[in-house]
Amino acid sequence: MEFEVTKIIYYLAIILFATKALGMATRKLGLPQVVGMVIAGLLIGPAIFSRIPIGFDGLVNPTEIEMDVLKTFSQIGVILILFSSGLETDLKDLKTSGFSSSMIALAGVFVPLVLGSIGASFFMGGIRETLADTNKLLNALFIGCILTATSVGITVETLREIGKLNSKLGTTILSAAIIDDVIGIIVLSLVTSLNGSSNPVITLLKAAAFFIFSIGLGIVMRITFKWISAKYPHKRRTGIFALSMCFIYAFCAEEFFGIASITGAYMAGVMLSGLSDTKFVDKKVLVNGYMIFSPIFFAFIGISADFSNFKLSDIWFAAAFVLIGILGKIIGCGLVARAVKFKGKEAVAIGCGMIARGEVALAVYSTASWLIYFENGKLVGIDPLFATIMLIITTSILCPILIKVFLKTSDTNKDDENHNQVNAEDYVSVKAAMEAQNT
């Protein structure tokens, strides 16, 4: 079966226009633009139109081979998103984040993972039945992995607004979020590398081998990158070298180690982070990613959505998923924060600061959606797409409200205000603020 290039061009035009328009609309409502982009995919794709007798199945209604082309674009998009996240994960921050942030991050991953997996099992016949069925168990763990993600863009803006961004509390939240992402991606890689025939020990050995490979190759690539950026600062060749490294890591992770490609992209970013030209490269990646590939990634989630199996129980699951997602972060992070000497309200505020989800949650969904359990072509497990969208919307609204409830607004002088001018969408600037605090 062949496809027409002009058809793909038409789809790209519709996708880019729709995602930008809906992204701007949701941003006006105080929600992340990624929510609008996914909704755009739902609206222009067959998920909505195919259920309405109006004569056509969507503005974007690709054939199977056209779907593969769009999927390829979307996979490049999610790889660039995680590569950018890795570039923004400064190794200095990880070294200086301290014991408190590390423990908060661990709780922020494992409490939602465990609670989410257990909660999902009750919608698949109970814990005993889920443990007895490998497919259902992987489906439940996949759902738990989505809940481990943290997106601190909204948290950053809220802390800046109340003058707490560069406080001990603000730095702790940001550092914990960085470590949270690292641990969450490792856990996702372990889950996605499992299947009915896999030996957990072999899986762990492969994961360990990948990280040894990443660090070993990364040291060589980091030295090369430093030489190139010193000899040709702020040149396009620097960005091309970095992107090449990103794709090599993504390929090797999945092809040779059975690890998710986004983990490879993230590790490539980490190995190039904190260098003189890192911010320059990150801006180039953001421009390329968010102009074309990332909108296609978010829209593709909506375009490929299938609500033919949607049931009333899915609404109840979404409600439970959102509740577990919120309480898992607040309880896990909050209790650990209290144990490491934060006061009661501050400890709760730290937990509240970790509840927001965004593009990483959708990246986890996209990467491991094949773990959704089907039997004879019929959905038996749980497809958490609707629940994930509801989680992003709900936490985006609740996060700033809860932080302000537990933290009193503090007056700041003009110097502090100028020092704390951080764009919530520019994570690179957040890192710079953290470095200023640490020094």
Protein backbone atom coordinates (compact mmCIF):
# COMPACT_ATOMS: atom_id res chain seq x y z
CA MET A 1 0.00 0.00 0.00
CA GLU A 2 1.37 3.39 -0.98
CA PHE A 3 0.62 6.80 0.38
CA GLU A 4 0.58 10.25 -1.11
CA VAL A 5 3.17 12.70 0.20
CA THR A 6 0.69 15.52 -0.35
CA LYS A 7 -1.72 13.77 2.05
CA ILE A 8 0.93 13.79 4.78
CA ILE A 9 1.61 17.48 4.08
CA TYR A 10 -2.12 18.16 4.45
CA TYR A 11 -2.21 16.25 7.76
CA LEU A 12 0.81 18.18 9.05
CA ALA A 13 -0.84 21.50 8.16
CA ILE A 14 -4.02 20.56 10.04
CA ILE A 15 -2.12 19.14 13.02
CA LEU A 16 0.20 22.13 13.46
CA PHE A 17 -2.63 24.65 13.13
CA ALA A 18 -4.99 22.77 15.45
CA THR A 19 -2.38 22.07 18.14
CA LYS A 20 -1.25 25.70 18.23
CA ALA A 21 -4.80 27.04 18.35
CA LEU A 22 -5.95 24.64 21.08
CA GLY A 23 -2.64 24.99 22.93
CA MET A 24 -3.08 28.76 23.11
CA ALA A 25 -6.69 28.31 24.23
CA THR A 26 -5.81 25.98 27.12
CA ARG A 27 -2.94 28.25 28.12
CA LYS A 28 -5.41 31.13 28.40
CA LEU A 29 -7.38 28.94 30.81
CA GLY A 30 -4.27 28.42 32.93
CA LEU A 31 -3.68 24.84 31.73
CA PRO A 32 -0.57 23.39 30.06
CA GLN A 33 -0.51 23.70 26.28
CA VAL A 34 0.06 19.96 25.97
CA VAL A 35 -3.53 19.42 27.13
CA GLY A 36 -4.81 21.53 24.24
CA MET A 37 -2.55 19.68 21.81
CA VAL A 38 -3.88 16.27 22.83
CA ILE A 39 -7.46 17.57 22.69
CA ALA A 40 -6.69 18.94 19.21
CA GLY A 41 -5.66 15.44 18.13
CA LEU A 42 -8.92 14.05 19.51
CA LEU A 43 -10.98 16.69 17.70
CA ILE A 44 -9.35 16.42 14.27
CA GLY A 45 -8.88 12.64 14.34
CA PRO A 46 -11.35 9.79 13.91
CA ALA A 47 -11.88 9.28 17.67
CA ILE A 48 -14.64 11.92 17.74
CA PHE A 49 -15.83 12.16 14.14
CA SER A 50 -16.20 8.40 13.64
CA ARG A 51 -18.85 8.32 16.37
CA ILE A 52 -20.94 11.05 14.76
CA PRO A 53 -22.93 10.25 11.56
CA ILE A 54 -21.75 13.24 9.53
CA GLY A 55 -20.29 11.50 6.51
CA PHE A 56 -16.56 11.56 7.27
CA ASP A 57 -14.25 10.25 9.97
CA GLY A 58 -12.15 13.29 10.79
CA LEU A 59 -10.05 16.02 9.24
CA VAL A 60 -7.08 13.71 9.81
CA ASN A 61 -8.11 10.15 9.02
CA PRO A 62 -4.89 8.37 7.99
CA THR A 63 -4.58 4.95 6.45
CA GLU A 64 -2.42 2.37 8.19
CA ILE A 65 0.74 3.32 6.29
CA GLU A 66 0.05 7.06 6.77
CA MET A 67 -0.44 6.33 10.47
CA ASP A 68 3.03 4.77 10.52
CA VAL A 69 4.51 7.93 9.00
CA LEU A 70 2.81 10.14 11.60
CA LYS A 71 3.90 7.73 14.34
CA THR A 72 7.50 8.08 13.19
CA PHE A 73 7.24 11.86 13.44
CA SER A 74 5.68 11.53 16.89
CA GLN A 75 8.43 9.20 18.13
CA ILE A 76 11.05 11.73 17.04
CA GLY A 77 9.05 14.32 18.97
CA VAL A 78 9.02 12.38 22.24
CA ILE A 79 12.74 11.58 21.86
CA LEU A 80 13.49 15.31 21.49
CA ILE A 81 11.33 16.11 24.54
CA LEU A 82 13.29 13.69 26.73
CA PHE A 83 16.62 14.77 25.23
CA SER A 84 15.80 18.36 26.16
CA SER A 85 14.87 17.23 29.68
CA GLY A 86 18.24 15.52 29.93
CA LEU A 87 20.09 18.63 28.77
CA GLU A 88 18.31 20.59 31.50
CA THR A 89 19.24 18.02 34.18
CA ASP A 90 22.47 19.62 35.35
CA LEU A 91 24.86 17.13 36.94
CA LYS A 92 25.90 19.79 39.45
CA ASP A 93 22.33 19.99 40.68
CA LEU A 94 22.22 16.23 41.15
CA LYS A 95 25.47 16.31 43.13
CA THR A 96 24.39 19.17 45.37
CA SER A 97 20.71 18.29 45.72
CA GLY A 98 21.42 16.52 48.96
CA PHE A 99 19.94 13.69 50.95
CA SER A 100 16.58 15.41 51.54
CA SER A 101 15.76 15.93 47.88
CA SER A 102 16.86 12.39 46.99
CA MET A 103 14.63 10.81 49.63
CA ILE A 104 11.67 13.00 48.63
CA ALA A 105 12.19 12.01 44.99
CA LEU A 106 12.34 8.30 45.85
CA ALA A 107 9.07 8.56 47.73
CA GLY A 108 7.60 10.61 44.87
CA VAL A 109 8.29 7.72 42.50
CA PHE A 110 7.64 4.59 44.50
CA VAL A 111 4.54 5.59 46.48
CA PRO A 112 2.53 6.58 43.37
CA LEU A 113 3.94 3.55 41.49
CA VAL A 114 2.80 1.11 44.17
CA LEU A 115 -0.54 2.79 44.89
CA GLY A 116 -1.28 3.23 41.19
CA SER A 117 -0.48 -0.38 40.36
CA ILE A 118 -2.57 -1.69 43.26
CA GLY A 119 -5.43 0.66 42.39
CA ALA A 120 -5.40 -0.47 38.75
CA SER A 121 -5.48 -4.12 39.80
CA PHE A 122 -8.89 -3.61 41.46
CA PHE A 123 -10.28 -2.65 38.03
CA MET A 124 -8.82 -5.83 36.49
CA GLY A 125 -10.24 -8.46 38.81
CA GLY A 126 -8.30 -7.80 41.99
CA ILE A 127 -4.72 -8.08 43.24
CA ARG A 128 -4.59 -11.87 43.21
CA GLU A 129 -5.86 -12.19 39.64
CA THR A 130 -3.54 -9.40 38.44
CA LEU A 131 -0.50 -11.04 40.02
CA ALA A 132 -1.42 -14.35 38.39
CA ASP A 133 -1.63 -12.83 34.89
CA THR A 134 1.61 -11.35 33.54
CA ASN A 135 -0.20 -9.21 30.97
CA LYS A 136 -2.47 -7.66 33.57
CA LEU A 137 0.45 -7.15 35.94
CA LEU A 138 2.42 -5.26 33.27
CA ASN A 139 -0.68 -3.21 32.44
CA ALA A 140 -1.01 -2.28 36.14
CA LEU A 141 2.69 -1.41 36.44
CA PHE A 142 2.43 0.72 33.30
CA ILE A 143 -0.37 2.71 34.93
CA GLY A 144 1.74 3.11 38.06
CA CYS A 145 4.65 4.39 35.94
CA ILE A 146 2.49 7.18 34.51
CA LEU A 147 1.82 8.40 38.05
CA THR A 148 5.54 8.68 38.86
CA ALA A 149 6.03 11.60 36.44
CA THR A 150 6.38 15.15 37.76
CA SER A 151 6.12 18.41 35.81
CA VAL A 152 7.24 21.45 37.81
CA GLY A 153 6.57 24.24 35.31
CA ILE A 154 3.42 25.36 37.11
CA THR A 155 5.08 24.84 40.50
CA VAL A 156 8.00 27.06 39.46
CA GLU A 157 5.71 29.90 38.42
CA THR A 158 3.71 29.63 41.66
CA LEU A 159 6.83 29.64 43.85
CA ARG A 160 8.18 32.63 41.93
CA GLU A 161 4.90 34.47 42.41
CA ILE A 162 4.96 34.07 46.19
CA GLY A 163 8.70 34.72 46.51
CA LYS A 164 9.70 31.17 47.46
CA LEU A 165 11.47 29.98 44.33
CA ASN A 166 15.01 30.39 45.63
CA SER A 167 14.16 29.43 49.20
CA LYS A 168 15.28 26.15 50.73
CA LEU A 169 11.80 24.78 50.08
CA GLY A 170 11.77 25.89 46.43
CA THR A 171 15.22 24.45 45.74
CA THR A 172 14.24 21.19 47.43
CA ILE A 173 11.15 20.82 45.21
CA LEU A 174 13.10 21.53 42.02
CA SER A 175 15.95 19.20 42.95
CA ALA A 176 13.52 16.45 43.95
CA ALA A 177 11.69 16.84 40.62
CA ILE A 178 14.96 16.40 38.71
CA ILE A 179 15.84 13.21 40.59
CA ASP A 180 12.21 12.07 40.34
CA ASP A 181 12.44 12.19 36.53
CA VAL A 182 15.69 10.21 36.52
CA ILE A 183 14.33 7.45 38.78
CA GLY A 184 10.97 7.39 37.01
CA ILE A 185 12.59 6.86 33.61
CA ILE A 186 14.74 4.05 35.00
CA VAL A 187 11.64 2.36 36.45
CA LEU A 188 9.79 2.77 33.15
CA SER A 189 12.71 1.17 31.32
CA LEU A 190 12.64 -1.82 33.66
CA VAL A 191 8.88 -2.25 33.24
CA THR A 192 8.94 -1.95 29.43
CA SER A 193 11.81 -4.42 29.18
CA LEU A 194 9.76 -7.10 30.94
CA ASN A 195 7.53 -9.60 29.14
CA GLY A 196 6.16 -13.04 29.79
CA SER A 197 9.48 -14.77 29.07
CA SER A 198 11.88 -12.25 30.60
CA ASN A 199 13.98 -13.04 33.62
CA PRO A 200 13.94 -10.05 36.03
CA VAL A 201 17.63 -10.61 36.79
CA ILE A 202 18.52 -10.48 33.08
CA THR A 203 16.41 -7.34 32.74
CA LEU A 204 18.26 -5.65 35.60
CA LEU A 205 21.63 -6.71 34.16
CA LYS A 206 20.69 -5.27 30.77
CA ALA A 207 19.62 -2.02 32.42
CA ALA A 208 22.90 -1.87 34.37
CA ALA A 209 24.85 -2.62 31.18
CA PHE A 210 23.05 0.19 29.37
CA PHE A 211 23.90 2.76 32.03
CA ILE A 212 27.54 1.61 32.07
CA PHE A 213 27.56 1.93 28.28
CA SER A 214 25.90 5.35 28.48
CA ILE A 215 28.40 6.72 30.96
CA GLY A 216 31.42 5.22 29.20
CA LEU A 217 30.44 6.49 25.75
CA GLY A 218 29.12 9.68 27.33
CA ILE A 219 32.51 10.61 28.77
CA VAL A 220 34.08 10.37 25.30
CA MET A 221 31.20 12.27 23.69
CA ARG A 222 31.25 14.89 26.44
CA ILE A 223 34.96 15.57 25.86
CA THR A 224 34.33 15.78 22.11
CA PHE A 225 31.38 18.11 22.65
CA LYS A 226 33.48 20.39 24.88
CA TRP A 227 36.18 20.56 22.21
CA ILE A 228 33.68 21.34 19.43
CA SER A 229 31.82 23.97 21.48
CA ALA A 230 35.13 25.60 22.51
CA LYS A 231 36.44 25.70 18.93
CA TYR A 232 33.09 26.58 17.31
CA PRO A 233 30.94 28.22 20.01
CA HIS A 234 27.26 28.75 19.22
CA LYS A 235 27.53 27.12 15.80
CA ARG A 236 24.94 24.87 14.16
CA ARG A 237 27.48 22.04 13.97
CA THR A 238 27.41 21.85 17.78
CA GLY A 239 23.67 21.27 17.76
CA ILE A 240 23.95 18.72 14.95
CA PHE A 241 26.58 16.78 16.91
CA ALA A 242 24.32 16.77 19.98
CA LEU A 243 21.27 15.60 18.02
CA SER A 244 23.32 12.84 16.42
CA MET A 245 24.38 11.68 19.87
CA CYS A 246 20.74 11.77 21.01
CA PHE A 247 19.57 9.51 18.20
CA ILE A 248 22.53 7.12 18.63
CA TYR A 249 21.73 6.71 22.31
CA ALA A 250 18.00 6.24 21.60
CA PHE A 251 18.76 3.58 18.98
CA CYS A 252 21.28 1.68 21.10
CA ALA A 253 19.05 1.70 24.18
CA GLU A 254 16.18 -0.06 22.42
CA GLU A 255 18.06 -2.14 19.85
CA PHE A 256 20.84 -3.59 22.01
CA PHE A 257 19.62 -3.35 25.61
CA GLY A 258 15.84 -3.59 25.34
CA ILE A 259 15.51 -0.24 27.12
CA ALA A 260 13.00 2.41 26.05
CA SER A 261 14.43 4.74 23.40
CA ILE A 262 13.37 7.79 25.44
CA THR A 263 15.71 6.59 28.21
CA GLY A 264 18.58 6.65 25.75
CA ALA A 265 17.63 10.16 24.62
CA TYR A 266 17.40 11.32 28.22
CA MET A 267 20.81 9.86 29.07
CA ALA A 268 22.34 11.53 26.01
CA GLY A 269 21.02 14.86 27.29
CA VAL A 270 22.36 14.23 30.79
CA MET A 271 25.82 13.42 29.44
CA LEU A 272 25.89 16.76 27.57
CA SER A 273 24.36 18.82 30.38
CA GLY A 274 26.08 21.60 32.28
CA LEU A 275 28.57 22.53 29.55
CA SER A 276 29.22 25.94 28.03
CA ASP A 277 27.09 25.36 24.93
CA THR A 278 24.40 23.20 26.52
CA LYS A 279 21.84 26.00 26.77
CA PHE A 280 22.48 26.97 23.16
CA VAL A 281 21.90 23.38 22.02
CA ASP A 282 18.81 23.07 24.20
CA LYS A 283 17.27 26.15 22.61
CA LYS A 284 17.92 24.69 19.15
CA VAL A 285 16.32 21.40 20.21
CA LEU A 286 13.32 23.22 21.66
CA VAL A 287 12.83 25.19 18.44
CA ASN A 288 13.02 22.08 16.24
CA GLY A 289 10.99 19.97 18.62
CA TYR A 290 8.22 22.37 19.57
CA MET A 291 7.83 23.80 16.07
CA ILE A 292 7.14 20.47 14.36
CA PHE A 293 7.80 17.17 16.09
CA SER A 294 6.42 17.72 19.60
CA PRO A 295 3.00 19.03 18.44
CA ILE A 296 2.74 15.98 16.17
CA PHE A 297 3.58 13.74 19.14
CA PHE A 298 0.86 15.20 21.35
CA ALA A 299 -1.69 15.31 18.53
CA PHE A 300 -0.86 11.73 17.52
CA ILE A 301 -1.92 10.54 20.98
CA GLY A 302 -5.36 12.02 20.33
CA ILE A 303 -5.52 10.93 16.68
CA SER A 304 -4.69 7.33 17.56
CA ALA A 305 -7.12 7.22 20.50
CA ASP A 306 -9.86 4.61 20.28
CA PHE A 307 -12.91 5.14 22.48
CA SER A 308 -14.90 2.28 20.97
CA ASN A 309 -14.34 0.29 24.18
CA PHE A 310 -15.04 3.24 26.48
CA LYS A 311 -17.27 2.26 29.40
CA LEU A 312 -18.80 3.95 32.43
CA SER A 313 -16.24 2.15 34.57
CA ASP A 314 -13.51 4.11 32.75
CA ILE A 315 -14.86 7.29 34.34
CA TRP A 316 -14.67 5.69 37.79
CA PHE A 317 -11.15 4.51 37.01
CA ALA A 318 -10.15 8.03 35.90
CA ALA A 319 -11.48 9.45 39.18
CA ALA A 320 -9.52 6.87 41.19
CA PHE A 321 -6.42 7.42 39.02
CA VAL A 322 -6.49 11.18 39.60
CA LEU A 323 -7.08 10.77 43.34
CA ILE A 324 -4.23 8.26 43.69
CA GLY A 325 -1.99 10.44 41.55
CA ILE A 326 -2.53 13.43 43.83
CA LEU A 327 -2.48 11.64 47.18
CA GLY A 328 0.50 9.47 46.20
CA LYS A 329 2.74 12.51 45.69
CA ILE A 330 1.40 14.48 48.68
CA ILE A 331 1.61 11.55 51.10
CA GLY A 332 4.89 10.11 49.83
CA CYS A 333 6.81 13.36 49.38
CA GLY A 334 5.11 15.10 52.29
CA LEU A 335 5.89 12.43 54.86
CA VAL A 336 9.53 12.19 53.81
CA ALA A 337 9.82 16.00 53.82
CA ARG A 338 8.44 15.99 57.38
CA ALA A 339 10.96 13.31 58.35
CA VAL A 340 13.86 15.43 57.06
CA LYS A 341 12.92 18.36 59.32
CA PHE A 342 10.55 20.46 57.19
CA LYS A 343 7.66 21.96 59.15
CA GLY A 344 4.15 20.57 58.77
CA LYS A 345 2.74 23.04 56.23
CA GLU A 346 6.02 23.21 54.33
CA ALA A 347 6.14 19.40 54.09
CA VAL A 348 2.61 19.31 52.68
CA ALA A 349 3.48 22.16 50.29
CA ILE A 350 6.45 20.12 48.97
CA GLY A 351 4.08 17.23 48.29
CA CYS A 352 1.63 19.59 46.58
CA GLY A 353 4.47 21.01 44.48
CA MET A 354 5.18 17.54 43.10
CA ILE A 355 1.63 16.65 42.00
CA ALA A 356 1.61 18.48 38.64
CA ARG A 357 1.92 16.33 35.52
CA GLY A 358 2.52 17.29 31.93
CA GLU A 359 4.41 16.16 28.86
CA VAL A 360 6.46 13.50 30.67
CA ALA A 361 3.29 11.65 31.74
CA LEU A 362 2.15 11.64 28.10
CA ALA A 363 5.62 10.50 27.01
CA VAL A 364 5.38 7.57 29.43
CA TYR A 365 1.91 6.73 28.09
CA SER A 366 3.09 6.84 24.48
CA THR A 367 6.24 4.81 25.13
CA ALA A 368 4.58 1.96 27.02
CA SER A 369 1.02 1.97 25.64
CA TRP A 370 1.72 -1.44 24.07
CA LEU A 371 1.47 -2.86 27.60
CA ILE A 372 -2.29 -2.25 27.57
CA TYR A 373 -3.80 -5.73 27.77
CA PHE A 374 -5.86 -7.02 24.83
CA GLU A 375 -7.20 -10.54 24.39
CA ASN A 376 -8.45 -11.73 21.00
CA GLY A 377 -8.51 -8.11 19.83
CA LYS A 378 -10.69 -7.04 22.77
CA LEU A 379 -9.53 -4.69 25.52
CA VAL A 380 -9.25 -6.66 28.76
CA GLY A 381 -6.94 -4.38 30.72
CA ILE A 382 -7.12 -0.59 31.10
CA ASP A 383 -6.30 2.16 28.61
CA PRO A 384 -5.38 5.12 30.86
CA LEU A 385 -5.34 7.84 28.15
CA PHE A 386 -8.55 9.54 29.31
CA ALA A 387 -7.42 9.25 32.93
CA THR A 388 -3.99 10.70 32.11
CA ILE A 389 -5.53 13.73 30.40
CA MET A 390 -7.83 14.27 33.39
CA LEU A 391 -4.85 13.97 35.75
CA ILE A 392 -2.90 16.65 33.85
CA ILE A 393 -5.88 19.02 33.83
CA THR A 394 -6.80 18.45 37.50
CA THR A 395 -3.28 18.74 38.89
CA SER A 396 -2.55 21.82 36.77
CA ILE A 397 -5.48 23.55 38.46
CA LEU A 398 -4.94 22.22 41.98
CA CYS A 399 -1.15 22.52 42.24
CA PRO A 400 -0.90 26.34 42.50
CA ILE A 401 -4.02 26.55 44.68
CA LEU A 402 -2.73 24.02 47.20
CA ILE A 403 0.76 25.54 47.33
CA LYS A 404 -0.71 28.97 48.12
CA VAL A 405 -3.00 27.46 50.76
CA PHE A 406 -0.06 25.98 52.66
CA LEU A 407 2.45 28.77 52.07
CA LYS A 408 1.84 32.37 53.04
CA THR A 409 2.67 34.93 50.38
CA SER A 410 5.90 36.69 51.30
CA ASP A 411 6.90 40.24 50.40
CA THR A 412 10.03 40.52 48.29
CA ASN A 413 12.13 43.50 47.37
CA LYS A 414 12.81 44.52 43.78
CA ASP A 415 16.16 42.76 43.67
CA ASP A 416 14.54 39.49 44.75
CA GLU A 417 11.79 39.94 42.21
CA ASN A 418 14.31 40.55 39.42
CA HIS A 419 16.38 37.60 40.59
CA ASN A 420 13.35 35.33 40.58
CA GLN A 421 11.98 36.24 37.15
CA VAL A 422 11.65 32.71 35.84
CA ASN A 423 9.61 31.70 32.85
CA ALA A 424 7.77 28.53 33.87
CA GLU A 425 8.09 27.17 30.37
CA ASP A 426 11.86 27.70 30.21
CA TYR A 427 13.32 24.94 32.34
CA VAL A 428 16.82 26.08 31.46
CA SER A 429 16.19 29.31 33.34
CA VAL A 430 14.99 27.30 36.32
CA LYS A 431 18.31 25.52 36.36
CA ALA A 432 20.17 28.82 36.27
CA ALA A 433 18.18 30.03 39.27
CA MET A 434 19.05 26.85 41.14
CA GLU A 435 22.73 27.26 40.37
CA ALA A 436 22.59 30.82 41.67
CA GLN A 437 21.05 29.55 44.90
CA ASN A 438 23.66 26.82 45.30
CA THR A 439 26.55 29.25 44.84
